[in-house]
């Protein structure tokens, strides 16, 4: 994906295309932070685009604590 000009307004077909691309990559396992770095956009922008695209966002990562057996 070509890096977008920082802060450039993305509308219409470009926005739809970007949302579909972000959705596909996020669904394939990429993180929001990775996608933000890849596109040169903020975490909030990518998060908003994914939400607008109807993506079910994953929970936060990291180690989870379970009961010790």
N, C-alpha and C. Protein backbone atom coordinates (compact mmCIF):
# COMPACT_ATOMS: atom_id res chain seq x y z
N UNK A 1 0.85 -1.18 0.00
CA UNK A 1 0.00 0.00 0.00
C UNK A 1 0.89 1.24 0.00
N UNK A 2 0.60 2.17 -0.86
CA UNK A 2 1.39 3.40 -0.93
C UNK A 2 1.13 4.23 0.33
N UNK A 3 2.18 4.83 0.85
CA UNK A 3 2.01 5.65 2.04
C UNK A 3 1.23 6.90 1.67
N UNK A 4 0.26 7.21 2.50
CA UNK A 4 -0.60 8.36 2.24
C UNK A 4 0.04 9.62 2.80
N UNK A 5 -0.26 10.73 2.19
CA UNK A 5 0.28 12.00 2.67
C UNK A 5 -0.32 12.28 4.04
N UNK A 6 0.54 12.54 5.02
CA UNK A 6 0.09 12.72 6.39
C UNK A 6 -0.92 13.86 6.49
N UNK A 7 -2.06 13.53 7.07
CA UNK A 7 -3.10 14.53 7.28
C UNK A 7 -3.96 14.83 6.07
N UNK A 8 -3.67 14.20 4.93
CA UNK A 8 -4.48 14.45 3.73
C UNK A 8 -5.88 13.89 3.93
N UNK A 9 -6.87 14.63 3.52
CA UNK A 9 -8.25 14.19 3.64
C UNK A 9 -8.51 13.10 2.62
N UNK A 10 -9.12 12.02 3.07
CA UNK A 10 -9.41 10.89 2.18
C UNK A 10 -10.92 10.76 2.11
N UNK A 11 -11.45 10.89 0.89
CA UNK A 11 -12.91 10.86 0.73
C UNK A 11 -13.30 9.96 -0.44
N UNK A 12 -14.59 9.70 -0.52
CA UNK A 12 -15.17 8.97 -1.65
C UNK A 12 -14.58 7.60 -1.88
N UNK A 13 -14.25 7.33 -3.14
CA UNK A 13 -13.75 6.03 -3.55
C UNK A 13 -12.43 5.67 -2.90
N UNK A 14 -11.57 6.68 -2.70
CA UNK A 14 -10.27 6.42 -2.07
C UNK A 14 -10.47 5.93 -0.63
N UNK A 15 -11.43 6.52 0.06
CA UNK A 15 -11.71 6.14 1.45
C UNK A 15 -12.28 4.72 1.51
N UNK A 16 -13.19 4.42 0.59
CA UNK A 16 -13.78 3.09 0.53
C UNK A 16 -12.72 2.04 0.23
N UNK A 17 -11.84 2.36 -0.72
CA UNK A 17 -10.77 1.43 -1.09
C UNK A 17 -9.81 1.22 0.07
N UNK A 18 -9.43 2.31 0.76
CA UNK A 18 -8.53 2.21 1.90
C UNK A 18 -9.18 1.38 3.02
N UNK A 19 -10.45 1.64 3.30
CA UNK A 19 -11.15 0.90 4.35
C UNK A 19 -11.17 -0.59 4.04
N UNK A 20 -11.41 -0.96 2.79
CA UNK A 20 -11.44 -2.37 2.39
C UNK A 20 -10.06 -2.99 2.54
N UNK A 21 -9.02 -2.25 2.18
CA UNK A 21 -7.65 -2.75 2.28
C UNK A 21 -7.26 -2.94 3.75
N UNK A 22 -7.58 -1.96 4.59
CA UNK A 22 -7.28 -2.07 6.02
C UNK A 22 -8.04 -3.23 6.64
N UNK A 23 -9.30 -3.39 6.26
CA UNK A 23 -10.14 -4.48 6.77
C UNK A 23 -9.52 -5.83 6.42
N UNK A 24 -9.09 -5.98 5.18
CA UNK A 24 -8.49 -7.24 4.72
C UNK A 24 -7.22 -7.55 5.51
N UNK A 25 -6.36 -6.54 5.68
CA UNK A 25 -5.09 -6.75 6.38
C UNK A 25 -5.31 -7.02 7.86
N UNK A 26 -6.27 -6.29 8.47
CA UNK A 26 -6.56 -6.49 9.89
C UNK A 26 -7.13 -7.89 10.12
N UNK A 27 -8.00 -8.31 9.22
CA UNK A 27 -8.60 -9.65 9.32
C UNK A 27 -7.56 -10.74 9.13
N UNK A 28 -6.47 -10.42 8.43
CA UNK A 28 -5.39 -11.38 8.22
C UNK A 28 -4.41 -11.41 9.38
N UNK A 29 -4.62 -10.57 10.38
CA UNK A 29 -3.79 -10.61 11.57
C UNK A 29 -2.95 -9.39 11.86
N UNK A 30 -2.90 -8.42 10.95
CA UNK A 30 -2.11 -7.20 11.21
C UNK A 30 -2.75 -6.41 12.35
N UNK A 31 -1.91 -5.75 13.12
CA UNK A 31 -2.42 -4.93 14.23
C UNK A 31 -2.76 -3.53 13.74
N UNK A 32 -3.55 -2.84 14.52
CA UNK A 32 -3.90 -1.45 14.19
C UNK A 32 -2.63 -0.61 14.18
N UNK A 33 -1.75 -0.84 15.14
CA UNK A 33 -0.50 -0.06 15.19
C UNK A 33 0.36 -0.31 13.96
N UNK A 34 0.43 -1.56 13.51
CA UNK A 34 1.20 -1.88 12.31
C UNK A 34 0.59 -1.18 11.10
N UNK A 35 -0.73 -1.23 10.97
CA UNK A 35 -1.40 -0.60 9.83
C UNK A 35 -1.22 0.91 9.86
N UNK A 36 -1.24 1.49 11.05
CA UNK A 36 -1.04 2.94 11.18
C UNK A 36 0.36 3.31 10.70
N UNK A 37 1.36 2.54 11.11
CA UNK A 37 2.73 2.81 10.70
C UNK A 37 2.89 2.61 9.19
N UNK A 38 2.26 1.58 8.67
CA UNK A 38 2.37 1.26 7.24
C UNK A 38 1.75 2.35 6.36
N UNK A 39 0.64 2.92 6.82
CA UNK A 39 -0.05 3.93 6.02
C UNK A 39 0.40 5.35 6.34
N UNK A 40 1.14 5.51 7.44
CA UNK A 40 1.57 6.85 7.84
C UNK A 40 0.44 7.65 8.47
N UNK A 41 -0.59 6.95 8.94
CA UNK A 41 -1.72 7.61 9.60
C UNK A 41 -1.70 7.29 11.08
N UNK A 42 -2.55 7.97 11.84
CA UNK A 42 -2.58 7.75 13.28
C UNK A 42 -3.34 6.47 13.64
N UNK A 43 -3.09 6.00 14.85
CA UNK A 43 -3.81 4.84 15.38
C UNK A 43 -5.31 5.11 15.36
N UNK A 44 -5.70 6.32 15.80
CA UNK A 44 -7.12 6.69 15.86
C UNK A 44 -7.78 6.67 14.49
N UNK A 45 -7.05 7.14 13.48
CA UNK A 45 -7.59 7.15 12.11
C UNK A 45 -7.86 5.73 11.64
N UNK A 46 -6.88 4.84 11.83
CA UNK A 46 -7.04 3.45 11.39
C UNK A 46 -8.17 2.77 12.17
N UNK A 47 -8.22 3.01 13.47
CA UNK A 47 -9.28 2.44 14.32
C UNK A 47 -10.65 2.89 13.80
N UNK A 48 -10.78 4.17 13.50
CA UNK A 48 -12.05 4.72 13.01
C UNK A 48 -12.42 4.13 11.65
N UNK A 49 -11.44 3.98 10.77
CA UNK A 49 -11.71 3.40 9.44
C UNK A 49 -12.19 1.96 9.57
N UNK A 50 -11.56 1.20 10.46
CA UNK A 50 -11.97 -0.19 10.66
C UNK A 50 -13.39 -0.25 11.24
N UNK A 51 -13.67 0.62 12.19
CA UNK A 51 -15.01 0.66 12.78
C UNK A 51 -16.06 1.02 11.74
N UNK A 52 -15.76 2.01 10.90
CA UNK A 52 -16.68 2.42 9.84
C UNK A 52 -16.91 1.28 8.85
N UNK A 53 -15.89 0.43 8.66
CA UNK A 53 -15.99 -0.68 7.72
C UNK A 53 -16.72 -1.87 8.33
N UNK A 54 -17.13 -1.75 9.60
CA UNK A 54 -17.90 -2.82 10.24
C UNK A 54 -17.05 -3.97 10.75
N UNK A 55 -15.77 -3.71 10.99
CA UNK A 55 -14.87 -4.76 11.47
C UNK A 55 -15.10 -5.00 12.96
N UNK A 56 -15.15 -6.28 13.35
CA UNK A 56 -15.21 -6.65 14.77
C UNK A 56 -13.77 -6.58 15.28
N UNK A 57 -13.48 -5.57 16.10
CA UNK A 57 -12.11 -5.38 16.56
C UNK A 57 -11.73 -6.42 17.61
N UNK A 58 -10.48 -6.86 17.56
CA UNK A 58 -9.98 -7.84 18.51
C UNK A 58 -9.74 -7.17 19.86
N UNK A 59 -9.71 -7.98 20.89
CA UNK A 59 -9.38 -7.49 22.23
C UNK A 59 -7.90 -7.17 22.30
N UNK A 60 -7.51 -6.56 23.36
CA UNK A 60 -6.09 -6.21 23.55
C UNK A 60 -5.27 -7.47 23.71
N UNK A 61 -4.04 -7.42 23.24
CA UNK A 61 -3.15 -8.58 23.29
C UNK A 61 -2.44 -8.70 24.60
N UNK A 62 -1.41 -9.49 24.60
CA UNK A 62 -0.61 -9.66 25.81
C UNK A 62 -0.96 -10.94 26.52
N UNK A 63 -0.17 -11.24 27.54
CA UNK A 63 -0.37 -12.46 28.31
C UNK A 63 -1.65 -12.36 29.11
N UNK A 64 -2.32 -13.46 29.22
CA UNK A 64 -3.53 -13.50 30.04
C UNK A 64 -3.26 -14.38 31.25
N UNK A 65 -3.90 -14.06 32.33
CA UNK A 65 -3.70 -14.84 33.55
C UNK A 65 -4.87 -15.79 33.73
N UNK A 66 -4.55 -17.03 33.84
CA UNK A 66 -5.57 -18.03 34.08
C UNK A 66 -5.32 -18.69 35.41
N UNK A 67 -6.25 -19.52 35.83
CA UNK A 67 -6.06 -20.25 37.09
C UNK A 67 -4.96 -21.26 36.91
N UNK A 68 -4.10 -21.36 37.91
CA UNK A 68 -3.04 -22.35 37.85
C UNK A 68 -3.63 -23.71 38.19
N UNK A 69 -3.25 -24.70 37.41
CA UNK A 69 -3.80 -26.05 37.64
C UNK A 69 -3.11 -26.74 38.77
